[in-house]
């Protein structure tokens, strides 16, 4: 009888295990399939930020060793090195860049499953969260499909930091268990690597540090015995962030700290403290929340899957209530769930207290995706005890809502699923091959354009055609030298005896160029290809400085 009972129990366990990991496999297939479909159909345009990653990867293959994303010192070059590896294997294709992002996202799903096991004591919570993330909000789909230099890495490294912290805390609570030294070293390395790769990982590192301090204080361990592990974690951090420290020692800490704190975004904020904080709160409540819940895409205020929106709002309200009640009544593994809430709180406080809160794109809310999905999955599995498998209808509701929103964005092409939230910068890049062919035909390989044209043009033409971003794309003619990301291109264009100009979505700038060329007595020709307005065949080279362009207010 005992043998039969154990045999039946083992059979049920194996069946449940098989079903669980089959479901996990389905999550990975759904996630990979969605991204593959978007990539193959070209629904996500190849824009300038991604082109810079591609150019960095190409330069790495030719011996360059950039420390940071060209032109900004708060995002490391880890993504470019990974893309360089993909280029070495598969060739220099846009899809190879997206392949790297896809692999990183599958790693993110895998680690989310592991966090579910550690924070909720259930593989089922993690697997269901992975299902919810397989077809995520448009915001998550966007920034984990195209590359902007480190968002995929930040999410994966952040999850690994949380897992390492939870494993260390588990060792504190164990009477005879001890964390191995390599785990301390590994945690420090991940924190340091994350700091260099993308400062966004601080929203994981800071709560993890507070969590570990609290767990240490509650444990009965002798602090003296932790001196070596803590020293190893510091060593690991120094190793992981070695490129960051090396750059700081060479060029100074001021710039790095300024960039890490959102110095570039601060320049566009209002001057008064109250005005800045008020603007960030408004952005958080109206822009950030709607993007995070998938109610709208980050680049426009149009609503997605509107008929389902009330149900989605009710679902997330219920998930928040379930989480709050559970924490008050004493959830098991309460500290680990508080750690996840700490990540969410750090994101929100960071958006209010730093200039990053002025960015309306929604990208800085990405770290909320995994904690929200895990708490939602926990609620659904709790409801399953009362409703049976009908509770999974809630998961289906979320997936349908997210897929519906994604399809709506795809149908509005251009812009498609784009990283550009400013309408004039939403250039239809499908005509880029025609633009390259035209410029090659007429021998116009050097000139001036805006940021959103310069770098895709350079990468896709194999850097045979170099146009530097010295033209404004803002309709009020605002220009920032940060648009000019790669100084060697400036020298190439400055030495050219021929120059052309390319404008996009800016009729006032086109009229301005005609007026200035005429005043200089320069003859020219024009051609329009899609969104590109080309001024070519100039009777002599004209530099932007001659006609009052490419200058900042202080110049």
Protein backbone atom coordinates (compact mmCIF):
# COMPACT_ATOMS: atom_id res chain seq x y z
CA UNK A 1 0.00 0.00 0.00
CA UNK A 2 2.83 2.36 0.88
CA UNK A 3 4.63 1.54 -2.38
CA UNK A 4 1.46 2.19 -4.36
CA UNK A 5 0.94 5.53 -2.58
CA UNK A 6 4.51 6.66 -3.27
CA UNK A 7 4.26 5.43 -6.86
CA UNK A 8 1.08 7.45 -7.43
CA UNK A 9 2.60 10.55 -5.80
CA UNK A 10 5.75 10.27 -7.93
CA UNK A 11 3.65 9.88 -11.08
CA UNK A 12 1.60 12.98 -10.24
CA UNK A 13 4.77 14.95 -9.45
CA UNK A 14 6.32 13.99 -12.77
CA UNK A 15 3.12 14.90 -14.62
CA UNK A 16 2.94 18.28 -12.89
CA UNK A 17 6.62 18.88 -13.55
CA UNK A 18 6.21 17.99 -17.23
CA UNK A 19 3.19 20.29 -17.56
CA UNK A 20 5.02 23.10 -15.78
CA UNK A 21 8.12 23.04 -17.95
CA UNK A 22 6.07 22.52 -21.08
CA UNK A 23 4.26 25.72 -20.17
CA UNK A 24 7.62 27.44 -19.69
CA UNK A 25 8.62 26.24 -23.15
CA UNK A 26 5.41 27.71 -24.53
CA UNK A 27 6.31 31.06 -22.92
CA UNK A 28 9.73 31.05 -24.59
CA UNK A 29 8.22 30.11 -27.96
CA UNK A 30 5.56 32.84 -27.72
CA UNK A 31 8.16 35.47 -26.81
CA UNK A 32 10.56 34.41 -29.56
CA UNK A 33 7.75 34.08 -32.11
CA UNK A 34 6.38 37.56 -31.44
CA UNK A 35 9.79 39.17 -31.79
CA UNK A 36 10.65 37.16 -34.88
CA UNK A 37 7.38 38.17 -36.54
CA UNK A 38 7.94 41.87 -35.79
CA UNK A 39 11.53 41.71 -37.05
CA UNK A 40 10.83 39.80 -40.26
CA UNK A 41 7.91 42.05 -41.15
CA UNK A 42 9.95 45.18 -40.47
CA UNK A 43 7.39 46.60 -38.04
CA UNK A 44 10.16 48.02 -35.80
CA UNK A 45 12.11 50.67 -37.77
CA UNK A 46 15.89 50.83 -37.65
CA UNK A 47 16.56 54.20 -36.01
CA UNK A 48 19.60 56.27 -35.10
CA UNK A 49 20.24 55.00 -31.55
CA UNK A 50 20.26 51.42 -32.77
CA UNK A 51 22.44 52.42 -35.71
CA UNK A 52 25.02 53.80 -33.28
CA UNK A 53 25.12 50.43 -31.50
CA UNK A 54 25.61 48.79 -34.91
CA UNK A 55 28.41 51.20 -35.86
CA UNK A 56 30.11 50.63 -32.51
CA UNK A 57 29.93 46.87 -33.06
CA UNK A 58 31.47 47.25 -36.53
CA UNK A 59 34.24 49.44 -35.13
CA UNK A 60 34.87 46.88 -32.37
CA UNK A 61 35.40 44.20 -35.01
CA UNK A 62 37.99 46.52 -36.57
CA UNK A 63 39.88 46.99 -33.32
CA UNK A 64 38.09 49.86 -31.54
CA UNK A 65 37.39 49.52 -27.82
CA UNK A 66 34.75 52.10 -26.86
CA UNK A 67 33.91 52.27 -23.16
CA UNK A 68 30.55 54.01 -23.50
CA UNK A 69 27.79 54.50 -26.03
CA UNK A 70 29.04 57.10 -28.50
CA UNK A 71 28.28 60.57 -27.20
CA UNK A 72 26.92 59.67 -23.76
CA UNK A 73 28.73 58.40 -20.71
CA UNK A 74 25.93 56.77 -18.73
CA UNK A 75 25.46 53.67 -20.88
CA UNK A 76 28.38 51.29 -21.36
CA UNK A 77 29.39 49.50 -24.54
CA UNK A 78 28.46 45.99 -23.35
CA UNK A 79 25.57 45.83 -25.80
CA UNK A 80 27.86 46.84 -28.67
CA UNK A 81 30.34 44.09 -27.74
CA UNK A 82 27.53 41.50 -27.75
CA UNK A 83 26.33 42.77 -31.12
CA UNK A 84 29.91 42.62 -32.41
CA UNK A 85 29.96 38.93 -31.50
CA UNK A 86 26.69 38.45 -33.42
CA UNK A 87 28.15 40.31 -36.41
CA UNK A 88 31.22 38.07 -36.32
CA UNK A 89 29.00 35.00 -36.50
CA UNK A 90 26.16 36.10 -38.77
CA UNK A 91 27.38 39.18 -40.63
CA UNK A 92 26.54 42.85 -40.18
CA UNK A 93 22.75 42.74 -40.42
CA UNK A 94 20.06 44.61 -38.52
CA UNK A 95 18.40 41.32 -37.63
CA UNK A 96 21.62 40.21 -35.89
CA UNK A 97 21.26 43.17 -33.51
CA UNK A 98 17.70 42.11 -32.72
CA UNK A 99 18.85 38.49 -32.28
CA UNK A 100 21.02 39.64 -29.37
CA UNK A 101 18.03 41.40 -27.83
CA UNK A 102 15.90 38.28 -28.26
CA UNK A 103 18.45 36.09 -26.48
CA UNK A 104 18.71 38.62 -23.65
CA UNK A 105 14.93 38.64 -23.31
CA UNK A 106 14.77 34.85 -23.07
CA UNK A 107 17.37 35.13 -20.32
CA UNK A 108 15.16 37.70 -18.63
CA UNK A 109 12.18 35.29 -18.77
CA UNK A 110 14.29 32.44 -17.38
CA UNK A 111 15.51 34.50 -14.44
CA UNK A 112 11.98 35.78 -13.79
CA UNK A 113 10.88 32.15 -13.42
CA UNK A 114 13.69 31.61 -10.89
CA UNK A 115 12.68 34.74 -8.97
CA UNK A 116 9.16 33.33 -8.78
CA UNK A 117 10.54 30.23 -7.12
CA UNK A 118 12.67 32.21 -4.65
CA UNK A 119 10.23 35.01 -3.78
CA UNK A 120 6.95 33.04 -3.88
CA UNK A 121 8.13 29.50 -3.17
CA UNK A 122 6.54 28.29 -6.39
CA UNK A 123 7.83 27.51 -9.86
CA UNK A 124 4.25 27.96 -11.03
CA UNK A 125 4.25 31.67 -10.14
CA UNK A 126 7.45 32.20 -12.13
CA UNK A 127 6.23 30.23 -15.15
CA UNK A 128 2.89 32.05 -15.23
CA UNK A 129 4.73 35.39 -14.94
CA UNK A 130 6.87 34.32 -17.92
CA UNK A 131 3.68 33.58 -19.88
CA UNK A 132 2.40 37.08 -19.08
CA UNK A 133 5.74 38.54 -20.22
CA UNK A 134 5.84 36.46 -23.40
CA UNK A 135 3.34 38.87 -24.98
CA UNK A 136 4.00 41.98 -22.90
CA UNK A 137 2.92 45.59 -23.18
CA UNK A 138 3.97 47.51 -26.28
CA UNK A 139 6.52 49.40 -24.19
CA UNK A 140 8.29 46.21 -23.10
CA UNK A 141 8.07 44.70 -26.59
CA UNK A 142 9.63 47.81 -28.11
CA UNK A 143 12.64 48.18 -25.83
CA UNK A 144 13.45 44.47 -25.76
CA UNK A 145 13.23 44.03 -29.54
CA UNK A 146 15.29 46.96 -30.82
CA UNK A 147 18.54 48.03 -29.20
CA UNK A 148 19.08 51.40 -27.59
CA UNK A 149 22.32 50.34 -26.00
CA UNK A 150 21.57 48.39 -22.84
CA UNK A 151 17.95 47.92 -21.77
CA UNK A 152 17.94 44.17 -22.37
CA UNK A 153 21.20 43.81 -20.46
CA UNK A 154 19.87 45.95 -17.59
CA UNK A 155 16.79 43.75 -17.15
CA UNK A 156 18.78 40.52 -17.20
CA UNK A 157 21.55 41.79 -14.91
CA UNK A 158 18.93 43.25 -12.57
CA UNK A 159 17.19 39.89 -12.24
CA UNK A 160 20.52 38.17 -11.58
CA UNK A 161 21.30 40.71 -8.85
CA UNK A 162 17.97 39.95 -7.16
CA UNK A 163 18.53 36.21 -7.40
CA UNK A 164 22.04 36.47 -5.93
CA UNK A 165 20.77 38.63 -3.07
CA UNK A 166 17.94 36.17 -2.30
CA UNK A 167 20.36 33.24 -2.32
CA UNK A 168 22.70 35.04 0.08
CA UNK A 169 19.82 35.92 2.40
CA UNK A 170 18.76 32.28 2.41
CA UNK A 171 22.21 31.32 3.61
CA UNK A 172 21.93 33.84 6.48
CA UNK A 173 18.75 32.16 7.72
CA UNK A 174 20.23 28.68 7.53
CA UNK A 175 21.67 27.40 10.78
CA UNK A 176 24.50 25.45 9.22
CA UNK A 177 24.47 26.78 5.68
CA UNK A 178 26.88 29.34 4.39
CA UNK A 179 27.02 31.32 1.22
CA UNK A 180 29.97 30.36 -0.90
CA UNK A 181 32.54 33.04 -1.47
CA UNK A 182 32.03 32.95 -5.21
CA UNK A 183 28.44 34.12 -4.76
CA UNK A 184 29.61 37.21 -2.88
CA UNK A 185 32.14 37.85 -5.61
CA UNK A 186 29.48 37.25 -8.24
CA UNK A 187 27.00 39.65 -6.65
CA UNK A 188 29.61 42.38 -6.52
CA UNK A 189 30.58 41.71 -10.12
CA UNK A 190 26.95 41.94 -11.28
CA UNK A 191 26.42 45.23 -9.43
CA UNK A 192 29.60 46.66 -10.95
CA UNK A 193 28.85 45.34 -14.41
CA UNK A 194 25.35 46.78 -14.21
CA UNK A 195 26.69 50.17 -13.16
CA UNK A 196 28.88 50.27 -16.27
CA UNK A 197 26.44 48.65 -18.70
CA UNK A 198 23.54 50.90 -17.70
CA UNK A 199 22.99 52.91 -14.54
CA UNK A 200 19.33 51.82 -14.64
CA UNK A 201 20.47 48.66 -12.82
CA UNK A 202 20.80 50.78 -9.68
CA UNK A 203 17.04 50.35 -9.21
CA UNK A 204 17.86 46.67 -8.55
CA UNK A 205 21.19 47.11 -6.75
CA UNK A 206 20.04 49.65 -4.15
CA UNK A 207 17.01 47.65 -2.90
CA UNK A 208 19.10 44.47 -2.97
CA UNK A 209 21.70 46.14 -0.76
CA UNK A 210 19.07 47.31 1.75
CA UNK A 211 17.47 43.85 1.73
CA UNK A 212 20.80 42.15 2.49
CA UNK A 213 21.60 44.58 5.30
CA UNK A 214 18.25 43.88 6.94
CA UNK A 215 18.70 40.12 6.57
CA UNK A 216 22.20 40.36 8.02
CA UNK A 217 20.93 42.30 11.01
CA UNK A 218 18.19 39.74 11.66
CA UNK A 219 20.58 36.81 11.41
CA UNK A 220 22.69 35.60 14.28
CA UNK A 221 25.88 35.56 12.27
CA UNK A 222 29.07 37.05 13.57
CA UNK A 223 29.76 40.15 11.51
CA UNK A 224 33.51 39.49 11.72
CA UNK A 225 33.02 36.33 9.68
CA UNK A 226 31.50 38.41 6.91
CA UNK A 227 34.47 40.70 6.42
CA UNK A 228 36.05 38.44 3.80
CA UNK A 229 32.78 37.92 1.85
CA UNK A 230 32.08 41.67 1.90
CA UNK A 231 35.63 42.39 0.75
CA UNK A 232 35.15 39.91 -2.09
CA UNK A 233 31.92 41.61 -3.14
CA UNK A 234 33.76 44.94 -3.29
CA UNK A 235 36.50 43.34 -5.39
CA UNK A 236 33.84 41.86 -7.67
CA UNK A 237 32.22 45.27 -8.02
CA UNK A 238 35.52 46.88 -8.96
CA UNK A 239 36.14 44.19 -11.56
CA UNK A 240 32.64 44.43 -13.01
CA UNK A 241 32.79 48.22 -13.23
CA UNK A 242 36.45 48.34 -14.31
CA UNK A 243 35.67 50.18 -17.60
CA UNK A 244 33.65 52.78 -15.65
CA UNK A 245 36.46 53.38 -13.14
CA UNK A 246 39.11 53.43 -15.85
CA UNK A 247 37.21 56.09 -17.78
CA UNK A 248 36.61 58.11 -14.60
CA UNK A 249 40.28 58.09 -13.65
CA UNK A 250 41.24 59.22 -17.14
CA UNK A 251 38.59 61.87 -17.79
CA UNK A 252 37.29 62.70 -14.31
CA UNK A 253 34.30 61.69 -12.22
CA UNK A 254 32.22 64.84 -12.65
CA UNK A 255 30.99 64.06 -16.14
CA UNK A 256 30.22 60.42 -15.32
CA UNK A 257 28.27 61.28 -12.19
CA UNK A 258 26.39 64.02 -14.06
CA UNK A 259 25.44 61.62 -16.85
CA UNK A 260 24.47 58.93 -14.34
CA UNK A 261 22.13 61.40 -12.64
CA UNK A 262 20.43 62.43 -15.88
CA UNK A 263 22.44 65.57 -16.62
CA UNK A 264 21.57 65.49 -20.32
CA UNK A 265 17.84 65.42 -19.63
CA UNK A 266 18.14 68.09 -16.93
CA UNK A 267 19.04 70.66 -19.58
CA UNK A 268 15.51 70.52 -21.02
CA UNK A 269 13.67 70.75 -17.69
CA UNK A 270 12.25 73.97 -16.16
CA UNK A 271 14.62 75.91 -13.92
CA UNK A 272 12.56 75.93 -10.70
CA UNK A 273 12.68 72.93 -8.34
CA UNK A 274 8.92 72.97 -7.77
CA UNK A 275 8.24 73.17 -11.50
CA UNK A 276 10.57 70.25 -12.15
CA UNK A 277 9.04 68.00 -9.51
CA UNK A 278 5.51 68.94 -10.55
CA UNK A 279 6.31 68.10 -14.15
CA UNK A 280 7.77 64.75 -13.16
CA UNK A 281 4.74 63.88 -11.03
CA UNK A 282 2.44 64.81 -13.89
CA UNK A 283 4.47 62.73 -16.29
CA UNK A 284 4.50 59.80 -13.88
CA UNK A 285 0.74 59.85 -13.31
CA UNK A 286 -0.38 60.50 -16.88
CA UNK A 287 2.39 59.23 -19.13
CA UNK A 288 4.30 56.66 -17.11
CA UNK A 289 1.32 54.82 -15.67
CA UNK A 290 -0.54 54.50 -18.98
CA UNK A 291 2.55 53.22 -20.79
CA UNK A 292 3.41 50.78 -18.01
CA UNK A 293 -0.08 49.27 -18.00
CA UNK A 294 -0.10 49.04 -21.79
CA UNK A 295 -2.96 51.50 -22.22
CA UNK A 296 -1.01 53.46 -24.83
CA UNK A 297 2.30 53.20 -26.73
CA UNK A 298 5.17 55.39 -25.52
CA UNK A 299 5.30 57.52 -28.68
CA UNK A 300 1.70 58.77 -28.82
CA UNK A 301 -1.31 59.54 -26.65
CA UNK A 302 -3.68 57.29 -28.62
CA UNK A 303 -5.37 54.53 -26.59
CA UNK A 304 -4.83 50.82 -27.22
CA UNK A 305 -7.47 48.08 -27.05
CA UNK A 306 -9.82 50.61 -25.51
CA UNK A 307 -12.80 48.22 -24.93
CA UNK A 308 -10.62 46.12 -22.61
CA UNK A 309 -9.01 49.04 -20.78
CA UNK A 310 -11.55 49.18 -17.88
CA UNK A 311 -11.06 45.46 -17.20
CA UNK A 312 -7.26 45.89 -17.24
CA UNK A 313 -7.45 48.76 -14.76
CA UNK A 314 -9.68 46.64 -12.50
CA UNK A 315 -7.26 43.69 -12.80
CA UNK A 316 -4.21 45.73 -11.73
CA UNK A 317 -6.18 47.38 -8.93
CA UNK A 318 -7.12 43.93 -7.68
CA UNK A 319 -3.50 42.73 -7.97
CA UNK A 320 -2.32 45.73 -5.92
CA UNK A 321 -4.98 45.05 -3.28
CA UNK A 322 -4.12 41.34 -3.12
CA UNK A 323 -0.42 42.16 -2.69
CA UNK A 324 -1.09 44.75 0.02
CA UNK A 325 -3.39 42.47 2.00
CA UNK A 326 -0.96 39.60 1.74
CA UNK A 327 1.94 41.65 3.02
CA UNK A 328 -0.10 42.92 5.97
CA UNK A 329 -1.32 39.44 6.88
CA UNK A 330 2.17 37.94 6.66
CA UNK A 331 2.88 36.30 3.30
CA UNK A 332 5.50 33.57 3.46
CA UNK A 333 8.80 34.87 2.06
CA UNK A 334 7.62 38.36 2.90
CA UNK A 335 11.13 39.85 2.76
CA UNK A 336 11.66 38.66 -0.81
CA UNK A 337 8.35 40.13 -1.93
CA UNK A 338 9.23 43.38 -0.22
CA UNK A 339 12.47 43.35 -2.21
CA UNK A 340 10.43 43.24 -5.44
CA UNK A 341 8.27 46.08 -4.16
CA UNK A 342 11.49 47.90 -3.29
CA UNK A 343 12.56 47.74 -6.93
CA UNK A 344 9.23 49.24 -7.95
CA UNK A 345 9.45 51.95 -5.29
CA UNK A 346 13.01 52.83 -6.36
CA UNK A 347 11.87 53.25 -9.95
CA UNK A 348 9.06 55.58 -8.91
CA UNK A 349 11.24 57.60 -6.53
CA UNK A 350 13.94 57.82 -9.18
CA UNK A 351 11.45 59.19 -11.68
CA UNK A 352 10.36 61.87 -9.20
CA UNK A 353 13.75 62.74 -7.75
CA UNK A 354 15.95 62.74 -10.86
CA UNK A 355 15.77 64.38 -14.31
CA UNK A 356 14.94 60.99 -15.84
CA UNK A 357 11.36 61.70 -14.76
CA UNK A 358 11.18 64.31 -17.54
CA UNK A 359 11.61 61.62 -20.20
CA UNK A 360 8.14 60.76 -21.54
CA UNK A 361 9.21 57.69 -23.51
CA UNK A 362 8.42 55.08 -20.85
CA UNK A 363 11.74 53.27 -21.19
CA UNK A 364 12.74 53.84 -17.57
CA UNK A 365 9.66 51.96 -16.35
CA UNK A 366 10.87 48.66 -17.82
CA UNK A 367 12.14 47.32 -14.45
CA UNK A 368 8.51 47.27 -13.26
CA UNK A 369 7.64 44.53 -15.77
CA UNK A 370 8.92 41.47 -13.89
CA UNK A 371 7.67 42.41 -10.38
CA UNK A 372 4.23 43.34 -11.72
CA UNK A 373 3.96 40.08 -13.66
CA UNK A 374 5.05 38.03 -10.63
CA UNK A 375 2.50 39.64 -8.30
CA UNK A 376 -0.19 39.24 -10.96
CA UNK A 377 0.70 35.58 -11.41
CA UNK A 378 0.57 35.03 -7.64
CA UNK A 379 -2.92 36.52 -7.50
CA UNK A 380 -4.17 34.40 -10.39
CA UNK A 381 -2.87 31.20 -8.80
CA UNK A 382 -4.44 32.22 -5.49
CA UNK A 383 -7.80 32.71 -7.24
CA UNK A 384 -7.43 29.31 -8.88
CA UNK A 385 -8.10 27.70 -5.51
CA UNK A 386 -11.60 29.19 -5.63
CA UNK A 387 -12.35 29.41 -9.32
CA UNK A 388 -10.42 26.42 -10.60
CA UNK A 389 -8.86 26.77 -14.04
CA UNK A 390 -11.26 29.62 -14.82
CA UNK A 391 -8.79 31.86 -13.03
CA UNK A 392 -6.45 31.49 -15.99
CA UNK A 393 -8.96 33.52 -17.98
CA UNK A 394 -7.41 36.55 -16.29
CA UNK A 395 -4.03 35.67 -17.78
CA UNK A 396 -5.73 35.25 -21.14
CA UNK A 397 -7.31 38.69 -20.74
CA UNK A 398 -3.91 40.32 -20.23
CA UNK A 399 -2.36 38.48 -23.17
CA UNK A 400 -5.23 39.42 -25.49
CA UNK A 401 -5.02 43.04 -24.35
CA UNK A 402 -1.28 43.21 -24.98
CA UNK A 403 -1.52 41.47 -28.36
CA UNK A 404 -4.41 43.70 -29.43
CA UNK A 405 -2.37 46.80 -28.57
CA UNK A 406 0.66 45.47 -30.46
CA UNK A 407 -1.45 44.78 -33.55
CA UNK A 408 -2.90 48.29 -33.41
CA UNK A 409 0.60 49.76 -33.40
CA UNK A 410 1.66 47.56 -36.29
CA UNK A 411 -1.33 48.66 -38.36
CA UNK A 412 -0.32 52.32 -37.87
CA UNK A 413 2.81 52.00 -39.96
CA UNK A 414 4.57 54.32 -40.24
CA UNK A 415 5.71 54.87 -37.55
CA UNK A 416 5.13 51.24 -36.49
CA UNK A 417 6.68 50.12 -33.21
CA UNK A 418 9.09 53.00 -32.90
CA UNK A 419 11.49 54.42 -30.34
CA UNK A 420 10.69 57.95 -31.52
CA UNK A 421 8.06 59.77 -29.46
CA UNK A 422 8.60 63.14 -31.21
CA UNK A 423 6.57 63.10 -34.45
CA UNK A 424 9.05 65.06 -36.66
CA UNK A 425 11.75 62.50 -35.83
CA UNK A 426 9.58 59.58 -36.97
CA UNK A 427 11.28 59.11 -40.32
CA UNK A 428 9.99 56.36 -42.62
CA UNK A 429 13.28 54.51 -43.09
CA UNK A 430 11.88 52.11 -45.70
CA UNK A 431 13.14 54.44 -48.43
CA UNK A 432 16.70 54.42 -47.07
CA UNK A 433 17.95 52.00 -49.79
CA UNK A 434 16.58 54.38 -52.44
CA UNK A 435 18.28 57.31 -50.72
CA UNK A 436 21.61 55.47 -50.66
CA UNK A 437 21.27 54.53 -54.34
CA UNK A 438 20.48 58.14 -55.28
CA UNK A 439 23.43 59.57 -53.36
CA UNK A 440 25.78 56.98 -54.84
CA UNK A 441 24.53 57.72 -58.35
CA UNK A 442 25.14 61.46 -57.99
CA UNK A 443 28.42 61.14 -56.12
CA UNK A 444 27.08 62.81 -52.97
CA UNK A 445 28.87 60.88 -50.26
CA UNK A 446 29.44 63.67 -47.74
CA UNK A 447 27.21 66.28 -46.22
CA UNK A 448 24.90 67.34 -43.43
CA UNK A 449 21.62 66.04 -42.06
CA UNK A 450 19.90 65.43 -38.73
CA UNK A 451 20.54 62.80 -36.08
CA UNK A 452 17.80 60.45 -37.25
CA UNK A 453 19.25 60.13 -40.75
CA UNK A 454 23.01 60.36 -40.21
CA UNK A 455 23.75 57.10 -38.41
CA UNK A 456 21.34 54.69 -40.15
CA UNK A 457 22.70 56.09 -43.43
CA UNK A 458 26.30 55.50 -42.32
CA UNK A 459 25.71 51.93 -41.17
CA UNK A 460 23.53 50.77 -44.06
CA UNK A 461 25.92 52.26 -46.64
CA UNK A 462 28.86 50.46 -45.02
CA UNK A 463 30.14 53.93 -44.02
CA UNK A 464 30.71 54.85 -47.65
CA UNK A 465 28.25 57.73 -47.24
CA UNK A 466 28.91 60.01 -44.28
CA UNK A 467 26.53 62.80 -43.36
CA UNK A 468 27.03 64.40 -39.97
CA UNK A 469 24.08 65.54 -37.81
CA UNK A 470 24.43 69.30 -37.84
CA UNK A 471 20.85 70.14 -38.86
CA UNK A 472 18.02 70.61 -36.37
CA UNK A 473 15.05 68.26 -36.39
CA UNK A 474 13.02 70.23 -33.86
CA UNK A 475 10.50 72.46 -35.58
CA UNK A 476 11.70 75.45 -33.51
CA UNK A 477 15.24 74.92 -34.90
CA UNK A 478 16.68 73.83 -31.53
CA UNK A 479 19.96 71.99 -31.91
CA UNK A 480 22.25 70.26 -29.42
CA UNK A 481 25.87 69.23 -30.11
CA UNK A 482 25.03 65.90 -28.41
CA UNK A 483 23.46 64.90 -31.71
CA UNK A 484 26.96 64.76 -33.19
CA UNK A 485 28.07 61.51 -31.60
CA UNK A 486 31.19 60.44 -33.53
CA UNK A 487 33.95 63.02 -34.05
CA UNK A 488 35.90 61.15 -36.81
CA UNK A 489 32.93 61.65 -39.13
CA UNK A 490 33.24 65.44 -38.66
CA UNK A 491 36.80 65.36 -40.00
CA UNK A 492 35.79 63.28 -43.01
CA UNK A 493 33.01 65.70 -43.98
CA UNK A 494 35.09 68.81 -43.23
CA UNK A 495 37.73 67.65 -45.73
CA UNK A 496 35.20 66.95 -48.48
CA UNK A 497 35.07 69.24 -51.52
CA UNK A 498 31.40 68.39 -52.04
CA UNK A 499 28.54 68.67 -49.59
CA UNK A 500 24.85 67.87 -49.77
CA UNK A 501 22.03 68.44 -47.29
CA UNK A 502 19.24 66.06 -46.28
CA UNK A 503 16.15 67.24 -44.36
CA UNK A 504 13.21 65.23 -43.04
CA UNK A 505 9.72 66.35 -41.98
CA UNK A 506 10.79 69.99 -41.70
CA UNK A 507 9.36 72.32 -44.39
CA UNK A 508 10.56 75.43 -42.54
CA UNK A 509 14.16 74.17 -42.60
CA UNK A 510 13.86 73.40 -46.31
CA UNK A 511 12.71 76.96 -46.97
CA UNK A 512 15.52 78.30 -44.80
CA UNK A 513 18.14 76.36 -46.78
CA UNK A 514 16.80 77.64 -50.10
CA UNK A 515 16.91 81.20 -48.82
CA UNK A 516 20.46 80.90 -47.49
CA UNK A 517 21.81 79.15 -50.59
CA UNK A 518 20.29 81.88 -52.71
CA UNK A 519 21.86 84.61 -50.54
CA UNK A 520 25.28 82.96 -50.90
CA UNK A 521 24.89 82.78 -54.67
CA UNK A 522 25.10 78.98 -54.57
CA UNK A 523 23.21 76.94 -57.13
CA UNK A 524 21.72 73.58 -56.21
CA UNK A 525 19.32 70.80 -57.20
CA UNK A 526 16.61 69.11 -55.17
CA UNK A 527 15.08 65.66 -54.97
CA UNK A 528 12.49 64.17 -52.65
CA UNK A 529 12.58 60.48 -51.75
CA UNK A 530 9.89 59.58 -49.24
CA UNK A 531 10.51 61.62 -46.10
CA UNK A 532 13.95 62.70 -47.34
CA UNK A 533 14.38 66.09 -49.00
CA UNK A 534 17.83 66.20 -50.65
CA UNK A 535 19.70 69.35 -51.61
CA UNK A 536 22.54 68.24 -53.88
CA UNK A 537 24.79 69.39 -56.71
CA UNK A 538 25.80 72.52 -54.80
CA UNK A 539 28.07 74.78 -56.88
CA UNK A 540 30.44 74.94 -53.91
CA UNK A 541 30.58 73.28 -50.49
CA UNK A 542 28.53 75.09 -47.86
CA UNK A 543 29.18 74.52 -44.16
CA UNK A 544 26.32 74.80 -41.64
CA UNK A 545 28.17 77.56 -39.75
CA UNK A 546 27.98 79.77 -42.85
CA UNK A 547 24.21 79.72 -42.76
CA UNK A 548 23.67 79.82 -39.01
CA UNK A 549 23.04 76.09 -38.44
CA UNK A 550 24.74 73.50 -36.25
CA UNK A 551 25.30 76.08 -33.53
CA UNK A 552 24.12 76.20 -29.93
CA UNK A 553 22.66 79.30 -28.34
CA UNK A 554 26.00 80.26 -26.83
CA UNK A 555 27.97 80.04 -30.08
